[in-house]
N, C-alpha and C. Protein backbone atom coordinates (compact mmCIF):
# COMPACT_ATOMS: atom_id res chain seq x y z
N MET A 1 -13.67 3.60 -9.90
CA MET A 1 -13.12 4.58 -9.69
C MET A 1 -13.26 5.42 -11.02
N ASN A 2 -13.50 6.94 -9.71
CA ASN A 2 -13.40 7.89 -10.89
C ASN A 2 -12.55 8.66 -10.89
N TYR A 3 -11.90 9.04 -12.12
CA TYR A 3 -10.58 9.62 -12.01
C TYR A 3 -10.40 10.67 -12.30
N HIS A 4 -11.53 11.52 -13.13
CA HIS A 4 -11.87 13.14 -13.36
C HIS A 4 -10.62 13.46 -12.26
N GLY A 5 -10.04 14.67 -12.36
CA GLY A 5 -9.46 15.77 -12.04
C GLY A 5 -7.29 15.54 -11.87
N PHE A 6 -7.65 14.02 -12.08
CA PHE A 6 -5.92 13.23 -11.41
C PHE A 6 -4.56 12.96 -12.75
N ASP A 7 -4.26 13.51 -13.01
CA ASP A 7 -3.14 13.72 -14.37
C ASP A 7 -3.00 12.07 -14.16
N GLU A 8 -2.52 12.38 -15.45
CA GLU A 8 -1.55 10.41 -15.73
C GLU A 8 -0.79 9.64 -14.58
N ARG A 9 -0.24 10.53 -13.81
CA ARG A 9 1.25 9.59 -12.20
C ARG A 9 -0.12 9.42 -11.94
N ASP A 10 -0.92 10.18 -11.08
CA ASP A 10 -1.85 9.87 -10.35
C ASP A 10 -2.97 8.02 -9.94
N LYS A 11 -2.92 8.51 -11.82
CA LYS A 11 -3.90 7.54 -12.42
C LYS A 11 -3.81 6.17 -12.18
N ILE A 12 -2.06 6.30 -12.42
CA ILE A 12 -1.38 5.08 -11.81
C ILE A 12 -0.63 5.06 -10.58
N ALA A 13 -0.57 5.84 -10.12
CA ALA A 13 -0.06 5.61 -8.07
C ALA A 13 -1.09 4.61 -7.87
N ILE A 14 -2.61 5.33 -8.13
CA ILE A 14 -4.21 4.71 -7.49
C ILE A 14 -4.43 3.48 -7.73
N ARG A 15 -4.40 2.93 -9.08
CA ARG A 15 -4.38 1.85 -9.75
C ARG A 15 -3.55 1.04 -8.65
N PHE A 16 -1.91 1.51 -8.44
CA PHE A 16 -1.20 -0.03 -8.30
C PHE A 16 -1.76 -0.24 -7.29
N ALA A 17 -2.21 1.37 -6.17
CA ALA A 17 -2.38 0.74 -5.36
C ALA A 17 -3.78 0.18 -4.63
N GLU A 18 -4.64 0.14 -6.20
CA GLU A 18 -5.79 -0.92 -5.48
C GLU A 18 -6.14 -2.14 -5.73
N GLU A 19 -4.69 -2.27 -6.60
CA GLU A 19 -3.87 -3.41 -7.56
C GLU A 19 -3.67 -4.16 -5.73
N ALA A 20 -2.81 -3.70 -5.67
CA ALA A 20 -1.15 -3.78 -4.55
C ALA A 20 -2.29 -4.28 -3.60
N THR A 21 -3.96 -3.87 -3.62
CA THR A 21 -4.14 -4.15 -1.94
C THR A 21 -5.03 -4.67 -2.56
N LEU A 22 -6.16 -5.26 -2.87
CA LEU A 22 -6.88 -6.23 -3.37
C LEU A 22 -6.68 -6.93 -4.27
N GLY A 23 -5.48 -6.97 -4.47
CA GLY A 23 -4.92 -7.83 -6.00
C GLY A 23 -4.34 -9.20 -4.43
N MET A 24 -3.76 -8.77 -3.24
CA MET A 24 -3.39 -9.80 -2.74
C MET A 24 -4.40 -11.08 -2.05
N GLN A 25 -5.68 -10.33 -2.31
CA GLN A 25 -6.96 -11.21 -2.00
C GLN A 25 -7.07 -12.66 -2.73
N GLN A 26 -5.92 -12.38 -4.45
CA GLN A 26 -6.16 -13.31 -5.44
C GLN A 26 -5.58 -14.95 -4.52
N THR A 27 -5.27 -15.60 -5.43
CA THR A 27 -5.09 -16.38 -4.84
C THR A 27 -3.26 -16.51 -5.68
N VAL A 28 -2.10 -17.05 -4.80
CA VAL A 28 -1.14 -16.71 -5.63
C VAL A 28 -0.71 -17.55 -6.91
N THR A 29 -1.17 -18.66 -7.54
CA THR A 29 -0.95 -19.08 -8.88
C THR A 29 -2.24 -18.29 -10.11
N GLU A 30 -3.22 -16.68 -9.38
CA GLU A 30 -3.89 -16.20 -10.49
C GLU A 30 -2.74 -14.55 -11.09
N GLU A 31 -2.32 -14.46 -10.00
CA GLU A 31 -1.23 -13.22 -9.88
C GLU A 31 0.09 -13.07 -9.09
N PRO A 32 0.86 -13.75 -8.83
CA PRO A 32 1.81 -13.52 -7.92
C PRO A 32 1.63 -12.24 -6.58
N SER A 33 2.11 -11.72 -7.21
CA SER A 33 1.95 -9.59 -6.60
C SER A 33 1.00 -9.51 -7.02
N GLY A 34 -0.70 -9.46 -7.29
CA GLY A 34 -1.54 -8.62 -7.49
C GLY A 34 -1.53 -7.52 -8.14
N ILE A 35 -0.40 -7.46 -8.72
CA ILE A 35 0.18 -6.07 -9.96
C ILE A 35 -0.33 -6.90 -11.44
N SER A 36 -1.44 -6.20 -12.79
CA SER A 36 -1.07 -6.55 -13.81
C SER A 36 0.09 -6.22 -14.22
N GLU A 37 0.57 -6.30 -15.61
CA GLU A 37 1.69 -6.78 -16.05
C GLU A 37 1.25 -4.72 -16.92
N ASP A 38 -0.03 -4.65 -17.06
CA ASP A 38 -0.60 -3.60 -17.89
C ASP A 38 -0.32 -2.22 -16.64
N THR A 39 0.07 -2.20 -15.77
CA THR A 39 0.58 -1.96 -14.33
C THR A 39 1.55 -1.37 -14.11
N ARG A 40 2.61 -2.82 -14.56
CA ARG A 40 3.71 -2.44 -13.97
C ARG A 40 4.50 -1.99 -15.06
N GLU A 41 4.32 -1.38 -16.53
CA GLU A 41 4.41 -1.11 -17.67
C GLU A 41 3.93 0.23 -17.41
N TRP A 42 3.02 0.75 -16.81
CA TRP A 42 2.89 1.95 -16.76
C TRP A 42 4.08 2.33 -15.33
N LEU A 43 3.69 1.82 -14.34
CA LEU A 43 4.73 2.36 -13.71
C LEU A 43 6.04 2.55 -14.06
N MET A 44 6.97 1.81 -13.94
CA MET A 44 7.52 1.79 -15.31
C MET A 44 8.03 3.02 -16.08
N ARG A 45 7.40 3.06 -16.51
CA ARG A 45 7.04 4.46 -17.61
C ARG A 45 6.69 6.08 -16.79
N TYR A 46 6.09 5.74 -16.29
CA TYR A 46 5.82 7.14 -14.92
C TYR A 46 7.07 7.28 -14.39
N PHE A 47 7.29 6.43 -13.37
CA PHE A 47 8.05 6.40 -12.47
C PHE A 47 9.79 6.13 -12.56
N SER A 48 10.38 7.18 -11.30
CA SER A 48 11.69 6.72 -11.98
C SER A 48 11.83 5.43 -10.71
N GLU A 49 12.96 4.78 -10.21
CA GLU A 49 13.41 3.49 -9.57
C GLU A 49 12.84 3.97 -8.08
N ILE A 50 13.56 5.21 -8.12
CA ILE A 50 13.09 5.46 -6.67
C ILE A 50 11.67 5.76 -5.85
N GLU A 51 11.15 6.94 -7.01
CA GLU A 51 9.46 6.52 -6.71
C GLU A 51 9.34 5.33 -7.10
N ARG A 52 9.14 4.50 -8.00
CA ARG A 52 8.50 3.09 -7.57
C ARG A 52 8.81 2.39 -6.04
N LEU A 53 9.64 2.95 -5.53
CA LEU A 53 10.52 2.56 -4.12
C LEU A 53 9.47 2.96 -3.34
N GLU A 54 10.05 3.70 -3.19
CA GLU A 54 8.39 5.48 -2.44
C GLU A 54 7.19 4.77 -2.42
N LEU A 55 6.65 4.41 -3.13
CA LEU A 55 5.19 4.01 -4.10
C LEU A 55 4.72 2.56 -3.45
N ILE A 56 5.98 1.90 -3.24
CA ILE A 56 5.98 0.36 -2.99
C ILE A 56 5.82 0.61 -1.37
N MET A 57 6.86 1.02 -1.02
CA MET A 57 6.58 1.53 0.73
C MET A 57 6.06 2.15 1.22
N GLY A 58 4.70 3.27 0.78
CA GLY A 58 4.43 3.66 0.96
C GLY A 58 2.57 2.85 1.43
N VAL A 59 2.14 1.82 0.20
CA VAL A 59 1.12 1.30 0.43
C VAL A 59 1.53 0.11 0.97
N THR A 60 1.96 -0.91 0.48
CA THR A 60 2.96 -2.03 1.07
C THR A 60 2.38 -1.80 3.39
N GLY A 61 2.83 -0.54 3.01
CA GLY A 61 3.23 -0.40 4.50
C GLY A 61 1.66 -0.02 4.87
N PHE A 62 1.14 1.01 4.23
CA PHE A 62 -0.31 0.84 5.01
C PHE A 62 -1.06 0.16 5.64
N ASN A 63 -1.25 -0.89 3.71
CA ASN A 63 -2.41 -2.03 4.06
C ASN A 63 -1.73 -2.67 5.13
N PHE A 64 -0.32 -3.22 5.54
CA PHE A 64 0.48 -4.48 6.80
C PHE A 64 0.00 -3.16 8.08
N LEU A 65 -0.25 -1.60 8.40
CA LEU A 65 -1.12 -1.45 9.31
C LEU A 65 -2.65 -1.78 9.69
N ASN A 66 -2.97 -2.10 8.53
CA ASN A 66 -4.50 -1.54 8.82
C ASN A 66 -4.47 -2.90 8.75
N ARG A 67 -4.23 -3.80 8.26
CA ARG A 67 -4.58 -5.70 8.78
C ARG A 67 -3.94 -5.70 10.15
N PHE A 68 -3.00 -5.28 10.57
CA PHE A 68 -2.55 -5.54 12.14
C PHE A 68 -3.32 -4.69 13.06
N ASN A 69 -3.55 -3.34 12.60
CA ASN A 69 -4.39 -3.09 13.37
C ASN A 69 -6.59 -3.83 12.90
N ARG A 70 -6.30 -4.07 12.00
CA ARG A 70 -7.88 -4.74 11.79
C ARG A 70 -7.21 -6.69 12.65
N ILE A 71 -6.50 -7.47 12.64
CA ILE A 71 -6.47 -8.63 13.18
C ILE A 71 -6.27 -8.17 14.81
N THR A 72 -5.38 -6.55 14.92
CA THR A 72 -5.25 -7.37 16.71
C THR A 72 -6.19 -5.82 16.76
N GLU A 73 -7.81 -6.06 16.20
CA GLU A 73 -8.58 -5.31 16.74
C GLU A 73 -8.33 -3.87 17.48
N SER A 74 -7.64 -3.52 17.03
CA SER A 74 -6.66 -2.67 17.86
C SER A 74 -7.50 -1.08 17.12
N GLU A 75 -7.94 0.53 17.67
CA GLU A 75 -7.73 1.75 17.27
C GLU A 75 -6.86 2.42 17.18
N PRO A 76 -6.30 2.40 16.22
CA PRO A 76 -4.80 3.34 16.38
C PRO A 76 -5.32 5.15 16.78
N ASP A 77 -4.46 5.27 17.60
CA ASP A 77 -4.44 6.62 18.66
C ASP A 77 -5.70 6.59 19.21
N LYS A 78 -6.12 5.70 19.79
CA LYS A 78 -7.24 5.75 20.66
C LYS A 78 -6.83 6.36 22.36
N GLU A 79 -5.85 5.41 22.18
CA GLU A 79 -5.00 5.60 23.77
C GLU A 79 -3.35 5.06 23.62
N LEU A 80 -2.89 5.42 24.44
CA LEU A 80 -0.95 5.35 24.25
C LEU A 80 -0.19 4.03 25.06
N PRO A 81 0.66 3.67 24.45
CA PRO A 81 0.80 2.49 24.68
C PRO A 81 1.37 2.32 26.68
N PRO A 82 1.70 0.84 27.15
CA PRO A 82 1.81 0.70 27.85
C PRO A 82 2.93 2.17 28.76
N GLN A 83 3.59 2.80 29.98
CA GLN A 83 4.79 3.07 29.88
C GLN A 83 5.65 2.26 29.39
N GLU A 84 5.92 1.48 30.00
CA GLU A 84 7.01 0.73 29.48
C GLU A 84 7.54 0.62 28.32
N LEU A 85 6.36 0.25 27.20
CA LEU A 85 7.05 0.04 26.57
C LEU A 85 7.08 1.78 25.78
N LEU A 86 6.73 2.25 26.05
CA LEU A 86 7.18 4.30 25.54
C LEU A 86 8.45 4.63 25.61
N ASP A 87 9.62 3.92 27.49
CA ASP A 87 10.90 3.69 27.54
C ASP A 87 10.69 2.85 27.07
N ILE A 88 10.79 1.92 26.13
CA ILE A 88 12.59 1.61 25.59
C ILE A 88 12.07 2.19 24.32
N ILE A 89 10.78 2.43 23.13
CA ILE A 89 11.21 3.67 22.44
C ILE A 89 12.00 4.26 22.20
N ARG A 90 12.15 5.15 23.19
CA ARG A 90 12.05 6.30 23.85
C ARG A 90 13.51 7.17 23.88
């Protein structure tokens, strides 16, 4: 990926997102978390604990939604859920 125009924090966040998304395809024995030690060290250097948690939650949340939609073959925002479900969540 071309990181031109991004500052160091942005580059680390992008690198983390890529590893968290693509690294999960590796076997557990290769890299259990999918995140390299270099990326972990850079995250510790450039982001506070709260920022790291927000980054982790954002990336993993969207990864979950993307995988869920792919497995269920759903297209988000295509149509509303059944009214019974809407009544429960409101």
